[in-house]
Amino acid sequence: GRPGGLLSREHSTSLAALLSHALERWQASLQMVRSSQIDELMQQRDLYARDSLSDMSSTERDKLLSWSEAHTVIAALLRGGALSRFRAAAPESWRALQRLAGTALSYGCEEAGHIALLFDLQALDAEVRKTEAVAQKLRRLLYDGGVEG
């Protein structure tokens, strides 16, 4: 992966670390991804969308790229069955994770808010599917297309 990306050594020492970082990055930029600015960008042809992205700050572009990487990891873990296999292979650990997620939800813990996403895997999968086209286009424009600012 790219330096500092989700697949860098520091973030992928275990499945739990990878999942935690992916959920944290995905949730951190989800509001930005849902903004009218990104809605408009998604309606543009790639050439114009690249221009719009190049007008953004490098920090904003990095957040969008990080979000699209996180989206890819989460989608793969959900659809590849890794989370279901974890739940089946380690039911005690999964229940502990669900309790942590439930606690984070009920108390509004911002530091553990990304873990709360695991409380309802069906809702998480639905949101990941709903934002699939955005993630693919951002990844294509930012990673494959190499937008510079």
C-alpha atoms as a PDB file:
ATOM      1  CA  GLY A   1       0.000   0.000   0.000  1.00  0.00           C
ATOM      2  CA  ARG A   2       0.914   3.653  -0.149  1.00  0.00           C
ATOM      3  CA  PRO A   3       2.985   5.122   2.697  1.00  0.00           C
ATOM      4  CA  GLY A   4       0.629   5.828   5.602  1.00  0.00           C
ATOM      5  CA  GLY A   5      -2.187   4.004   3.823  1.00  0.00           C
ATOM      6  CA  LEU A   6      -4.370   1.384   5.428  1.00  0.00           C
ATOM      7  CA  LEU A   7      -2.263  -1.474   4.165  1.00  0.00           C
ATOM      8  CA  SER A   8       0.969  -0.051   5.531  1.00  0.00           C
ATOM      9  CA  ARG A   9       2.658  -2.174   8.159  1.00  0.00           C
ATOM     10  CA  GLU A  10       1.651   0.104  11.038  1.00  0.00           C
ATOM     11  CA  HIS A  11      -2.082  -0.358  10.319  1.00  0.00           C
ATOM     12  CA  SER A  12      -2.196  -3.989   9.249  1.00  0.00           C
ATOM     13  CA  THR A  13      -0.433  -5.886  12.018  1.00  0.00           C
ATOM     14  CA  SER A  14      -3.621  -7.881  12.622  1.00  0.00           C
ATOM     15  CA  LEU A  15      -7.126  -8.171  11.257  1.00  0.00           C
ATOM     16  CA  ALA A  16      -8.403  -6.302  14.316  1.00  0.00           C
ATOM     17  CA  ALA A  17      -5.962  -3.421  13.751  1.00  0.00           C
ATOM     18  CA  LEU A  18      -6.786  -3.233  10.059  1.00  0.00           C
ATOM     19  CA  LEU A  19     -10.531  -3.279  10.744  1.00  0.00           C
ATOM     20  CA  SER A  20     -10.266  -0.702  13.522  1.00  0.00           C
ATOM     21  CA  HIS A  21      -8.234   1.716  11.393  1.00  0.00           C
ATOM     22  CA  ALA A  22     -10.509   1.195   8.388  1.00  0.00           C
ATOM     23  CA  LEU A  23     -13.655   1.864  10.420  1.00  0.00           C
ATOM     24  CA  GLU A  24     -12.090   4.905  12.065  1.00  0.00           C
ATOM     25  CA  ARG A  25     -10.990   6.449   8.756  1.00  0.00           C
ATOM     26  CA  TRP A  26     -14.234   5.559   7.017  1.00  0.00           C
ATOM     27  CA  GLN A  27     -16.385   7.123   9.717  1.00  0.00           C
ATOM     28  CA  ALA A  28     -14.147  10.194  10.076  1.00  0.00           C
ATOM     29  CA  SER A  29     -14.719  11.295   6.470  1.00  0.00           C
ATOM     30  CA  LEU A  30     -18.202   9.904   5.821  1.00  0.00           C
ATOM     31  CA  GLN A  31     -19.853  13.286   6.423  1.00  0.00           C
ATOM     32  CA  MET A  32     -17.498  14.908   3.913  1.00  0.00           C
ATOM     33  CA  VAL A  33     -18.278  12.169   1.390  1.00  0.00           C
ATOM     34  CA  ARG A  34     -22.005  12.808   1.855  1.00  0.00           C
ATOM     35  CA  SER A  35     -21.613  16.570   1.278  1.00  0.00           C
ATOM     36  CA  SER A  36     -23.154  18.455  -1.620  1.00  0.00           C
ATOM     37  CA  GLN A  37     -19.628  19.233  -2.872  1.00  0.00           C
ATOM     38  CA  ILE A  38     -18.912  15.516  -3.353  1.00  0.00           C
ATOM     39  CA  ASP A  39     -22.419  14.910  -4.759  1.00  0.00           C
ATOM     40  CA  GLU A  40     -21.673  17.524  -7.429  1.00  0.00           C
ATOM     41  CA  LEU A  41     -18.245  16.021  -8.080  1.00  0.00           C
ATOM     42  CA  MET A  42     -19.810  12.582  -8.606  1.00  0.00           C
ATOM     43  CA  GLN A  43     -22.058  14.010 -11.325  1.00  0.00           C
ATOM     44  CA  GLN A  44     -19.084  15.378 -13.276  1.00  0.00           C
ATOM     45  CA  ARG A  45     -17.183  13.532 -15.963  1.00  0.00           C
ATOM     46  CA  ASP A  46     -13.773  12.347 -14.789  1.00  0.00           C
ATOM     47  CA  LEU A  47     -11.824  15.158 -16.455  1.00  0.00           C
ATOM     48  CA  TYR A  48     -13.884  17.855 -14.705  1.00  0.00           C
ATOM     49  CA  ALA A  49     -14.017  15.893 -11.466  1.00  0.00           C
ATOM     50  CA  ARG A  50     -10.209  15.738 -11.435  1.00  0.00           C
ATOM     51  CA  ASP A  51     -10.136  19.516 -11.856  1.00  0.00           C
ATOM     52  CA  SER A  52     -12.569  19.905  -8.954  1.00  0.00           C
ATOM     53  CA  LEU A  53     -10.444  17.622  -6.805  1.00  0.00           C
ATOM     54  CA  SER A  54      -7.289  19.528  -7.691  1.00  0.00           C
ATOM     55  CA  ASP A  55      -8.983  22.689  -6.379  1.00  0.00           C
ATOM     56  CA  MET A  56      -9.327  21.022  -2.964  1.00  0.00           C
ATOM     57  CA  SER A  57      -6.581  21.160  -0.370  1.00  0.00           C
ATOM     58  CA  SER A  58      -4.165  18.248  -0.219  1.00  0.00           C
ATOM     59  CA  THR A  59      -5.565  17.464   3.255  1.00  0.00           C
ATOM     60  CA  GLU A  60      -9.082  17.140   1.842  1.00  0.00           C
ATOM     61  CA  ARG A  61      -7.854  14.945  -1.016  1.00  0.00           C
ATOM     62  CA  ASP A  62      -5.913  12.768   1.446  1.00  0.00           C
ATOM     63  CA  LYS A  63      -9.046  12.346   3.573  1.00  0.00           C
ATOM     64  CA  LEU A  64     -11.055  11.310   0.525  1.00  0.00           C
ATOM     65  CA  LEU A  65      -8.394   8.857  -0.618  1.00  0.00           C
ATOM     66  CA  SER A  66      -8.102   7.436   2.886  1.00  0.00           C
ATOM     67  CA  TRP A  67     -11.891   7.090   3.034  1.00  0.00           C
ATOM     68  CA  SER A  68     -11.975   5.238  -0.295  1.00  0.00           C
ATOM     69  CA  GLU A  69      -9.205   2.881   0.877  1.00  0.00           C
ATOM     70  CA  ALA A  70     -11.094   2.238   4.111  1.00  0.00           C
ATOM     71  CA  HIS A  71     -14.251   1.596   2.105  1.00  0.00           C
ATOM     72  CA  THR A  72     -12.422  -1.020   0.027  1.00  0.00           C
ATOM     73  CA  VAL A  73     -11.097  -2.805   3.127  1.00  0.00           C
ATOM     74  CA  ILE A  74     -14.461  -2.789   4.926  1.00  0.00           C
ATOM     75  CA  ALA A  75     -16.312  -3.997   1.814  1.00  0.00           C
ATOM     76  CA  ALA A  76     -13.813  -6.825   1.347  1.00  0.00           C
ATOM     77  CA  LEU A  77     -14.088  -7.912   4.978  1.00  0.00           C
ATOM     78  CA  LEU A  78     -17.889  -7.818   4.890  1.00  0.00           C
ATOM     79  CA  ARG A  79     -18.356  -9.468   1.515  1.00  0.00           C
ATOM     80  CA  GLY A  80     -15.454 -11.880   1.812  1.00  0.00           C
ATOM     81  CA  GLY A  81     -16.980 -13.293   4.965  1.00  0.00           C
ATOM     82  CA  ALA A  82     -14.025 -12.541   7.278  1.00  0.00           C
ATOM     83  CA  LEU A  83     -16.249 -10.884   9.882  1.00  0.00           C
ATOM     84  CA  SER A  84     -18.802 -13.698   9.712  1.00  0.00           C
ATOM     85  CA  ARG A  85     -16.040 -16.284  10.087  1.00  0.00           C
ATOM     86  CA  PHE A  86     -14.614 -14.369  13.058  1.00  0.00           C
ATOM     87  CA  ARG A  87     -18.067 -14.277  14.650  1.00  0.00           C
ATOM     88  CA  ALA A  88     -18.472 -18.036  14.123  1.00  0.00           C
ATOM     89  CA  ALA A  89     -14.929 -19.012  15.175  1.00  0.00           C
ATOM     90  CA  ALA A  90     -14.701 -16.777  18.248  1.00  0.00           C
ATOM     91  CA  PRO A  91     -18.217 -16.214  19.576  1.00  0.00           C
ATOM     92  CA  GLU A  92     -17.012 -14.983  22.988  1.00  0.00           C
ATOM     93  CA  SER A  93     -14.739 -12.408  21.398  1.00  0.00           C
ATOM     94  CA  TRP A  94     -17.489 -11.351  19.016  1.00  0.00           C
ATOM     95  CA  ARG A  95     -19.949 -10.898  21.908  1.00  0.00           C
ATOM     96  CA  ALA A  96     -17.354  -8.802  23.754  1.00  0.00           C
ATOM     97  CA  LEU A  97     -16.904  -6.663  20.650  1.00  0.00           C
ATOM     98  CA  GLN A  98     -20.689  -6.311  20.325  1.00  0.00           C
ATOM     99  CA  ARG A  99     -20.913  -5.222  23.982  1.00  0.00           C
ATOM    100  CA  LEU A 100     -18.185  -2.644  23.386  1.00  0.00           C
ATOM    101  CA  ALA A 101     -20.000  -1.415  20.272  1.00  0.00           C
ATOM    102  CA  GLY A 102     -23.291  -1.216  22.185  1.00  0.00           C
ATOM    103  CA  THR A 103     -21.659   0.713  25.007  1.00  0.00           C
ATOM    104  CA  ALA A 104     -20.047   3.136  22.557  1.00  0.00           C
ATOM    105  CA  LEU A 105     -23.449   3.679  20.946  1.00  0.00           C
ATOM    106  CA  SER A 106     -25.360   4.167  24.189  1.00  0.00           C
ATOM    107  CA  TYR A 107     -22.849   6.583  25.725  1.00  0.00           C
ATOM    108  CA  GLY A 108     -21.893   8.418  22.542  1.00  0.00           C
ATOM    109  CA  CYS A 109     -18.180   7.635  22.950  1.00  0.00           C
ATOM    110  CA  GLU A 110     -16.455   9.478  20.136  1.00  0.00           C
ATOM    111  CA  GLU A 111     -13.140   7.653  20.664  1.00  0.00           C
ATOM    112  CA  ALA A 112     -14.850   4.292  20.163  1.00  0.00           C
ATOM    113  CA  GLY A 113     -17.565   5.469  17.805  1.00  0.00           C
ATOM    114  CA  HIS A 114     -16.047   3.604  14.876  1.00  0.00           C
ATOM    115  CA  ILE A 115     -16.372   0.336  16.819  1.00  0.00           C
ATOM    116  CA  ALA A 116     -20.102   1.054  17.193  1.00  0.00           C
ATOM    117  CA  LEU A 117     -20.390   0.494  13.437  1.00  0.00           C
ATOM    118  CA  LEU A 118     -19.896  -3.221  14.135  1.00  0.00           C
ATOM    119  CA  PHE A 119     -23.028  -3.347  16.295  1.00  0.00           C
ATOM    120  CA  ASP A 120     -25.183  -3.822  13.193  1.00  0.00           C
ATOM    121  CA  LEU A 121     -23.264  -5.457  10.339  1.00  0.00           C
ATOM    122  CA  GLN A 122     -26.306  -5.364   8.060  1.00  0.00           C
ATOM    123  CA  ALA A 123     -26.625  -1.592   8.462  1.00  0.00           C
ATOM    124  CA  LEU A 124     -22.889  -1.180   7.913  1.00  0.00           C
ATOM    125  CA  ASP A 125     -23.038  -3.334   4.777  1.00  0.00           C
ATOM    126  CA  ALA A 126     -26.024  -1.338   3.486  1.00  0.00           C
ATOM    127  CA  GLU A 127     -24.138   1.949   3.967  1.00  0.00           C
ATOM    128  CA  VAL A 128     -21.005   0.520   2.345  1.00  0.00           C
ATOM    129  CA  ARG A 129     -23.058  -0.622  -0.644  1.00  0.00           C
ATOM    130  CA  LYS A 130     -24.806   2.760  -0.860  1.00  0.00           C
ATOM    131  CA  THR A 131     -21.462   4.567  -1.101  1.00  0.00           C
ATOM    132  CA  GLU A 132     -19.775   2.040  -3.406  1.00  0.00           C
ATOM    133  CA  ALA A 133     -19.934   4.189  -6.551  1.00  0.00           C
ATOM    134  CA  VAL A 134     -18.485   7.190  -4.704  1.00  0.00           C
ATOM    135  CA  ALA A 135     -15.605   5.099  -3.354  1.00  0.00           C
ATOM    136  CA  GLN A 136     -14.833   3.634  -6.759  1.00  0.00           C
ATOM    137  CA  LYS A 137     -14.818   7.011  -8.498  1.00  0.00           C
ATOM    138  CA  LEU A 138     -12.704   8.659  -5.795  1.00  0.00           C
ATOM    139  CA  ARG A 139     -10.226   5.794  -5.872  1.00  0.00           C
ATOM    140  CA  ARG A 140     -10.041   5.976  -9.668  1.00  0.00           C
ATOM    141  CA  LEU A 141      -9.584   9.753  -9.694  1.00  0.00           C
ATOM    142  CA  LEU A 142      -7.255  10.113  -6.721  1.00  0.00           C
ATOM    143  CA  TYR A 143      -5.235   6.914  -6.704  1.00  0.00           C
ATOM    144  CA  ASP A 144      -5.201   5.780 -10.296  1.00  0.00           C
ATOM    145  CA  GLY A 145      -5.450   9.278 -11.766  1.00  0.00           C
ATOM    146  CA  GLY A 146      -2.983  10.940  -9.436  1.00  0.00           C
ATOM    147  CA  VAL A 147      -4.691  14.319  -8.910  1.00  0.00           C
ATOM    148  CA  GLU A 148      -2.193  17.000  -7.977  1.00  0.00           C
ATOM    149  CA  GLY A 149      -3.016  20.292  -6.282  1.00  0.00           C
END
